[in-house]
Amino acid sequence: MLLDGAKALYVDILERIQGSLRPGSLVLADDARHCQEFVSRMRSDGGRYLSVPLADDLEISMRLS
């Protein structure tokens, strides 16, 4: 999934689609540095995601479980 829109909605969008993401699914968030709540959640969501910055303005996260 590619998130590239209203940064304030990234967390809300993730909550809505999270049930559809299977292990191995990728979430790319453009300009993620503008939504620290999203980045913090992806990096500390109880081991459900592995999330790292791909570039200065792109966060890549993989669903683990």
N, C-alpha and C. Protein backbone atom coordinates (compact mmCIF):
# COMPACT_ATOMS: atom_id res chain seq x y z
N MET A 1 0.84 -1.14 0.00
CA MET A 1 0.00 0.00 0.00
C MET A 1 0.90 1.23 0.00
N LEU A 2 0.53 2.23 -0.74
CA LEU A 2 1.26 3.50 -0.77
C LEU A 2 0.41 4.57 -0.12
N LEU A 3 0.94 5.20 0.90
CA LEU A 3 0.29 6.34 1.54
C LEU A 3 0.99 7.60 1.03
N ASP A 4 0.25 8.42 0.32
CA ASP A 4 0.79 9.66 -0.22
C ASP A 4 -0.35 10.65 -0.34
N GLY A 5 -0.70 11.21 0.78
CA GLY A 5 -1.82 12.14 0.79
C GLY A 5 -1.75 12.97 2.05
N ALA A 6 -2.90 13.15 2.67
CA ALA A 6 -2.98 13.93 3.90
C ALA A 6 -2.28 13.18 5.03
N LYS A 7 -1.15 13.69 5.45
CA LYS A 7 -0.32 13.00 6.44
C LYS A 7 -1.07 12.77 7.75
N ALA A 8 -1.93 13.69 8.12
CA ALA A 8 -2.70 13.57 9.36
C ALA A 8 -3.65 12.37 9.33
N LEU A 9 -3.92 11.82 8.16
CA LEU A 9 -4.84 10.68 8.04
C LEU A 9 -4.13 9.33 7.97
N TYR A 10 -2.81 9.31 7.96
CA TYR A 10 -2.07 8.05 7.81
C TYR A 10 -2.47 7.02 8.86
N VAL A 11 -2.57 7.42 10.13
CA VAL A 11 -2.91 6.48 11.19
C VAL A 11 -4.35 5.98 11.01
N ASP A 12 -5.26 6.88 10.68
CA ASP A 12 -6.66 6.49 10.46
C ASP A 12 -6.79 5.51 9.29
N ILE A 13 -6.07 5.77 8.22
CA ILE A 13 -6.11 4.89 7.05
C ILE A 13 -5.55 3.52 7.42
N LEU A 14 -4.45 3.50 8.14
CA LEU A 14 -3.86 2.24 8.56
C LEU A 14 -4.85 1.43 9.40
N GLU A 15 -5.52 2.07 10.33
CA GLU A 15 -6.50 1.37 11.16
C GLU A 15 -7.61 0.75 10.33
N ARG A 16 -8.03 1.43 9.28
CA ARG A 16 -9.12 0.93 8.44
C ARG A 16 -8.71 -0.27 7.58
N ILE A 17 -7.47 -0.29 7.12
CA ILE A 17 -7.06 -1.36 6.20
C ILE A 17 -6.21 -2.44 6.85
N GLN A 18 -5.82 -2.23 8.10
CA GLN A 18 -4.91 -3.14 8.77
C GLN A 18 -5.39 -4.60 8.73
N GLY A 19 -6.67 -4.83 8.86
CA GLY A 19 -7.22 -6.18 8.83
C GLY A 19 -7.05 -6.86 7.49
N SER A 20 -6.84 -6.10 6.44
CA SER A 20 -6.67 -6.66 5.09
C SER A 20 -5.22 -6.94 4.75
N LEU A 21 -4.29 -6.46 5.57
CA LEU A 21 -2.88 -6.66 5.29
C LEU A 21 -2.44 -8.03 5.80
N ARG A 22 -1.85 -8.81 4.93
CA ARG A 22 -1.34 -10.13 5.29
C ARG A 22 0.14 -10.02 5.65
N PRO A 23 0.67 -11.01 6.38
CA PRO A 23 2.11 -11.01 6.63
C PRO A 23 2.88 -10.91 5.31
N GLY A 24 3.87 -10.05 5.29
CA GLY A 24 4.64 -9.79 4.08
C GLY A 24 4.17 -8.58 3.31
N SER A 25 3.00 -8.06 3.64
CA SER A 25 2.50 -6.85 2.97
C SER A 25 3.40 -5.68 3.29
N LEU A 26 3.58 -4.80 2.30
CA LEU A 26 4.39 -3.62 2.48
C LEU A 26 3.53 -2.37 2.53
N VAL A 27 3.91 -1.45 3.39
CA VAL A 27 3.28 -0.15 3.49
C VAL A 27 4.37 0.88 3.26
N LEU A 28 4.21 1.70 2.24
CA LEU A 28 5.13 2.79 1.93
C LEU A 28 4.43 4.10 2.28
N ALA A 29 5.07 4.89 3.11
CA ALA A 29 4.48 6.16 3.52
C ALA A 29 5.38 7.31 3.06
N ASP A 30 4.89 8.09 2.13
CA ASP A 30 5.64 9.23 1.63
C ASP A 30 5.55 10.38 2.63
N ASP A 31 6.63 11.11 2.78
CA ASP A 31 6.71 12.23 3.72
C ASP A 31 6.31 11.83 5.13
N ALA A 32 6.68 10.62 5.54
CA ALA A 32 6.30 10.10 6.85
C ALA A 32 6.86 10.94 7.99
N ARG A 33 7.94 11.65 7.75
CA ARG A 33 8.52 12.49 8.81
C ARG A 33 7.55 13.57 9.26
N HIS A 34 6.54 13.85 8.44
CA HIS A 34 5.53 14.85 8.80
C HIS A 34 4.40 14.24 9.63
N CYS A 35 4.46 12.93 9.88
CA CYS A 35 3.44 12.26 10.68
C CYS A 35 4.14 11.34 11.68
N GLN A 36 4.73 11.93 12.70
CA GLN A 36 5.49 11.18 13.69
C GLN A 36 4.64 10.14 14.39
N GLU A 37 3.36 10.40 14.56
CA GLU A 37 2.47 9.42 15.20
C GLU A 37 2.44 8.12 14.39
N PHE A 38 2.36 8.23 13.08
CA PHE A 38 2.36 7.05 12.21
C PHE A 38 3.69 6.30 12.33
N VAL A 39 4.80 7.02 12.24
CA VAL A 39 6.12 6.39 12.31
C VAL A 39 6.30 5.68 13.66
N SER A 40 5.96 6.35 14.73
CA SER A 40 6.08 5.75 16.06
C SER A 40 5.25 4.49 16.19
N ARG A 41 4.05 4.54 15.66
CA ARG A 41 3.17 3.37 15.74
C ARG A 41 3.72 2.20 14.94
N MET A 42 4.20 2.45 13.74
CA MET A 42 4.71 1.37 12.91
C MET A 42 5.97 0.75 13.50
N ARG A 43 6.77 1.56 14.15
CA ARG A 43 8.04 1.05 14.71
C ARG A 43 7.87 0.38 16.06
N SER A 44 6.72 0.56 16.71
CA SER A 44 6.55 -0.02 18.04
C SER A 44 5.18 -0.67 18.21
N ASP A 45 4.65 -1.28 17.16
CA ASP A 45 3.30 -1.85 17.20
C ASP A 45 3.32 -3.32 17.64
N GLY A 46 3.97 -3.59 18.75
CA GLY A 46 3.94 -4.93 19.32
C GLY A 46 4.51 -6.02 18.43
N GLY A 47 5.46 -5.67 17.58
CA GLY A 47 6.08 -6.67 16.72
C GLY A 47 5.28 -7.04 15.49
N ARG A 48 4.21 -6.31 15.19
CA ARG A 48 3.43 -6.62 13.99
C ARG A 48 4.07 -6.11 12.72
N TYR A 49 4.94 -5.11 12.84
CA TYR A 49 5.57 -4.50 11.67
C TYR A 49 7.07 -4.35 11.89
N LEU A 50 7.81 -4.45 10.82
CA LEU A 50 9.21 -4.06 10.78
C LEU A 50 9.23 -2.80 9.94
N SER A 51 9.67 -1.70 10.51
CA SER A 51 9.56 -0.42 9.83
C SER A 51 10.87 0.34 9.93
N VAL A 52 11.34 0.84 8.78
CA VAL A 52 12.58 1.59 8.72
C VAL A 52 12.45 2.72 7.69
N PRO A 53 13.24 3.78 7.87
CA PRO A 53 13.24 4.82 6.85
C PRO A 53 13.97 4.31 5.61
N LEU A 54 13.36 4.52 4.46
CA LEU A 54 13.96 4.10 3.20
C LEU A 54 14.76 5.26 2.61
N ALA A 55 14.30 6.42 2.84
CA ALA A 55 14.95 7.65 2.41
C ALA A 55 14.53 8.73 3.40
N ASP A 56 15.01 9.92 3.20
CA ASP A 56 14.69 11.01 4.12
C ASP A 56 13.19 11.22 4.28
N ASP A 57 12.44 10.96 3.25
CA ASP A 57 11.01 11.25 3.29
C ASP A 57 10.12 10.03 3.04
N LEU A 58 10.66 8.83 3.13
CA LEU A 58 9.89 7.62 2.85
C LEU A 58 10.13 6.58 3.93
N GLU A 59 9.04 6.05 4.47
CA GLU A 59 9.11 4.99 5.48
C GLU A 59 8.56 3.72 4.85
N ILE A 60 9.27 2.60 5.00
CA ILE A 60 8.80 1.33 4.48
C ILE A 60 8.57 0.40 5.66
N SER A 61 7.41 -0.23 5.66
CA SER A 61 7.03 -1.12 6.76
C SER A 61 6.51 -2.42 6.18
N MET A 62 6.91 -3.53 6.82
CA MET A 62 6.42 -4.84 6.40
C MET A 62 5.63 -5.47 7.52
N ARG A 63 4.47 -5.98 7.18
CA ARG A 63 3.62 -6.66 8.16
C ARG A 63 4.26 -8.01 8.48
N LEU A 64 4.52 -8.27 9.76
CA LEU A 64 5.15 -9.51 10.17
C LEU A 64 4.14 -10.55 10.63
N SER A 65 3.11 -10.11 11.32
CA SER A 65 2.10 -11.08 11.81
C SER A 65 0.72 -10.48 11.75
